[in-house]
Amino acid sequence: MIARLGIAVLLSLTLSACGGGAPKLFNLRKTDRTPDEFSILPSRPLETPPNRAALPPPTPGGPNRTDRAPLSEAVAALGGNPAGGTGADGALVATVSRYGVEPSIRGQLAAEDLAFRQANDGRLLERAFNLNVYYRAYQRQSLDQYAELRRLRRDGVRTVAAPPDPAGN
């Protein structure tokens, strides 16, 4: 009787660990009610205009002169024209898509990633206690950034923006 009860409990635990639907890469949604530090953009410094009579009228709820425009700033940083609108950066689009464009790449990558994560899903107790096995699953595909940095420097490639090696090598 006790052996049957033990087997029943073990089977129920095993089956409950297998449920839960599709695995998720990471939970990117906030579960707490604290402020999101990534949604805070620093504003530009305030400036005193040379002619106060030429100031534009206030626009309540509209954009402010000190507000950041991350999309426009990213386009300008990549060499594009932030004021040009869609299609104004033909050279930038041509450079980015010079090896071709695959319209269904997001769905294809999501399906491949799901298949890879299901094949590297973790052990029974890791799944039962919902432990994160992401880094271990992708460890074979990860790049040792400092070994790559040493290789680039050894080959004479300038790496001025790279942070210093914490190991001091």
Protein backbone atom coordinates (compact mmCIF):
# COMPACT_ATOMS: atom_id res chain seq x y z
CA MET A 1 0.00 0.00 0.00
CA ILE A 2 2.77 2.47 0.93
CA ALA A 3 4.75 1.55 -2.21
CA ARG A 4 1.70 2.25 -4.41
CA LEU A 5 1.16 5.60 -2.70
CA GLY A 6 4.83 6.49 -3.19
CA ILE A 7 4.66 5.57 -6.87
CA ALA A 8 1.46 7.61 -7.30
CA VAL A 9 3.10 10.67 -5.68
CA LEU A 10 6.22 10.25 -7.83
CA LEU A 11 4.14 9.95 -11.02
CA SER A 12 2.09 13.02 -10.16
CA LEU A 13 5.26 15.05 -9.52
CA THR A 14 6.76 13.83 -12.78
CA LEU A 15 3.67 14.74 -14.78
CA SER A 16 3.33 18.15 -13.14
CA ALA A 17 6.93 18.98 -14.08
CA CYS A 18 6.17 18.29 -17.76
CA GLY A 19 3.32 20.79 -18.04
CA GLY A 20 3.34 24.52 -18.45
CA GLY A 21 3.11 25.10 -22.19
CA ALA A 22 5.85 26.51 -24.39
CA PRO A 23 9.09 27.40 -22.63
CA LYS A 24 9.99 31.07 -22.53
CA LEU A 25 13.46 32.42 -23.17
CA PHE A 26 13.29 35.01 -20.44
CA ASN A 27 10.41 36.73 -18.75
CA LEU A 28 10.88 40.29 -19.97
CA ARG A 29 7.73 41.63 -18.37
CA LYS A 30 8.03 43.27 -15.01
CA THR A 31 6.25 41.52 -12.19
CA ASP A 32 6.81 44.18 -9.54
CA ARG A 33 5.43 47.70 -9.38
CA THR A 34 8.76 49.54 -9.23
CA PRO A 35 9.74 52.09 -11.89
CA ASP A 36 11.27 50.74 -15.07
CA GLU A 37 14.80 52.14 -15.25
CA PHE A 38 14.95 51.53 -19.02
CA SER A 39 11.97 53.78 -19.72
CA ILE A 40 13.64 56.84 -18.17
CA LEU A 41 15.44 58.99 -20.70
CA PRO A 42 17.72 61.80 -19.55
CA SER A 43 16.66 65.12 -21.01
CA ARG A 44 18.91 67.54 -22.82
CA PRO A 45 20.28 70.44 -20.79
CA LEU A 46 18.14 73.55 -20.57
CA GLU A 47 19.25 76.51 -22.67
CA THR A 48 18.43 80.16 -22.51
CA PRO A 49 17.46 81.27 -26.02
CA PRO A 50 19.12 84.39 -27.43
CA ASN A 51 15.73 85.91 -28.26
CA ARG A 52 12.89 85.16 -25.86
CA ALA A 53 10.33 86.66 -28.23
CA ALA A 54 11.11 83.90 -30.78
CA LEU A 55 10.17 81.06 -28.40
CA PRO A 56 7.48 78.73 -29.74
CA PRO A 57 4.15 78.64 -27.92
CA PRO A 58 3.76 75.92 -25.28
CA THR A 59 2.21 72.62 -26.38
CA PRO A 60 0.63 70.92 -23.36
CA GLY A 61 1.03 67.18 -23.71
CA GLY A 62 3.22 67.64 -26.77
CA PRO A 63 6.97 67.34 -27.27
CA ASN A 64 9.40 69.50 -25.37
CA ARG A 65 12.60 71.01 -26.79
CA THR A 66 14.63 69.13 -24.17
CA ASP A 67 13.00 65.72 -24.84
CA ARG A 68 15.19 63.02 -26.31
CA ALA A 69 14.28 61.29 -29.56
CA PRO A 70 16.00 57.88 -29.32
CA LEU A 71 14.94 56.69 -32.78
CA SER A 72 16.16 59.85 -34.52
CA GLU A 73 19.39 59.80 -32.51
CA ALA A 74 20.01 56.16 -33.50
CA VAL A 75 19.39 56.95 -37.19
CA ALA A 76 21.83 59.87 -36.99
CA ALA A 77 24.43 57.71 -35.19
CA LEU A 78 24.21 55.15 -38.01
CA GLY A 79 24.78 57.85 -40.62
CA GLY A 80 21.18 58.33 -41.69
CA ASN A 81 19.00 61.39 -41.96
CA PRO A 82 16.67 61.59 -38.93
CA ALA A 83 14.53 64.30 -40.53
CA GLY A 84 14.22 62.50 -43.87
CA GLY A 85 11.38 60.15 -43.01
CA THR A 86 10.78 56.76 -44.59
CA GLY A 87 12.82 56.07 -47.70
CA ALA A 88 15.18 59.02 -47.23
CA ASP A 89 18.09 56.81 -46.22
CA GLY A 90 18.48 54.71 -49.34
CA ALA A 91 22.24 54.37 -48.89
CA LEU A 92 21.84 53.15 -45.31
CA VAL A 93 19.15 50.62 -46.28
CA ALA A 94 21.24 49.43 -49.23
CA THR A 95 24.27 48.90 -46.99
CA VAL A 96 22.32 47.06 -44.32
CA SER A 97 20.55 44.79 -46.81
CA ARG A 98 23.52 44.16 -49.12
CA TYR A 99 23.51 40.42 -48.35
CA GLY A 100 19.77 40.08 -48.86
CA VAL A 101 16.70 40.36 -46.69
CA GLU A 102 14.71 37.42 -45.35
CA PRO A 103 11.18 38.66 -44.50
CA SER A 104 10.32 35.70 -42.26
CA ILE A 105 13.58 35.67 -40.26
CA ARG A 106 11.93 36.49 -36.91
CA GLY A 107 9.54 33.56 -37.08
CA GLN A 108 12.27 31.23 -38.30
CA LEU A 109 14.63 32.25 -35.47
CA ALA A 110 11.85 31.93 -32.89
CA ALA A 111 11.03 28.40 -34.09
CA GLU A 112 14.70 27.35 -34.10
CA ASP A 113 15.24 28.83 -30.64
CA LEU A 114 12.17 27.05 -29.29
CA ALA A 115 13.38 23.73 -30.70
CA PHE A 116 16.86 24.28 -29.25
CA ARG A 117 15.50 25.21 -25.80
CA GLN A 118 13.18 22.20 -25.78
CA ALA A 119 16.14 19.94 -26.57
CA ASN A 120 18.17 21.60 -23.76
CA ASP A 121 15.34 21.96 -21.27
CA GLY A 122 17.16 21.13 -18.07
CA ARG A 123 16.93 18.29 -15.64
CA LEU A 124 13.81 17.11 -13.87
CA LEU A 125 14.34 19.05 -10.64
CA GLU A 126 15.39 22.18 -12.53
CA ARG A 127 12.09 22.09 -14.42
CA ALA A 128 10.13 21.16 -11.28
CA PHE A 129 11.49 24.17 -9.37
CA ASN A 130 11.45 26.46 -12.42
CA LEU A 131 15.20 27.14 -12.32
CA ASN A 132 16.73 29.15 -15.13
CA VAL A 133 18.93 26.97 -17.35
CA TYR A 134 19.29 29.55 -20.15
CA TYR A 135 23.01 30.24 -19.75
CA ARG A 136 23.93 26.59 -19.42
CA ALA A 137 21.85 25.67 -22.50
CA TYR A 138 23.60 28.28 -24.65
CA GLN A 139 27.07 27.93 -23.09
CA ARG A 140 28.53 26.06 -26.11
CA GLN A 141 27.46 28.94 -28.37
CA SER A 142 28.73 31.77 -26.18
CA LEU A 143 31.75 33.86 -27.09
CA ASP A 144 34.58 34.46 -24.63
CA GLN A 145 34.77 38.19 -25.16
CA TYR A 146 38.18 38.64 -23.57
CA ALA A 147 39.76 35.78 -25.55
CA GLU A 148 38.35 37.35 -28.72
CA LEU A 149 39.66 40.76 -27.66
CA ARG A 150 43.15 39.30 -27.07
CA ARG A 151 43.01 37.64 -30.51
CA LEU A 152 42.02 40.88 -32.22
CA ARG A 153 44.76 42.86 -30.45
CA ARG A 154 47.32 40.17 -31.28
CA ASP A 155 46.30 40.47 -34.96
CA GLY A 156 46.77 44.25 -34.85
CA VAL A 157 43.11 45.29 -34.85
CA ARG A 158 42.50 48.52 -32.93
CA THR A 159 39.99 48.02 -30.10
CA VAL A 160 39.84 51.47 -28.56
CA ALA A 161 36.24 51.17 -27.33
CA ALA A 162 36.76 47.80 -25.62
CA PRO A 163 36.77 47.78 -21.83
CA PRO A 164 39.94 46.69 -20.04
CA ASP A 165 40.34 42.99 -19.30
CA PRO A 166 39.43 42.34 -15.62
CA ALA A 167 42.08 39.62 -15.49
CA GLY A 168 44.69 42.15 -16.60
CA ASN A 169 45.82 40.14 -19.64
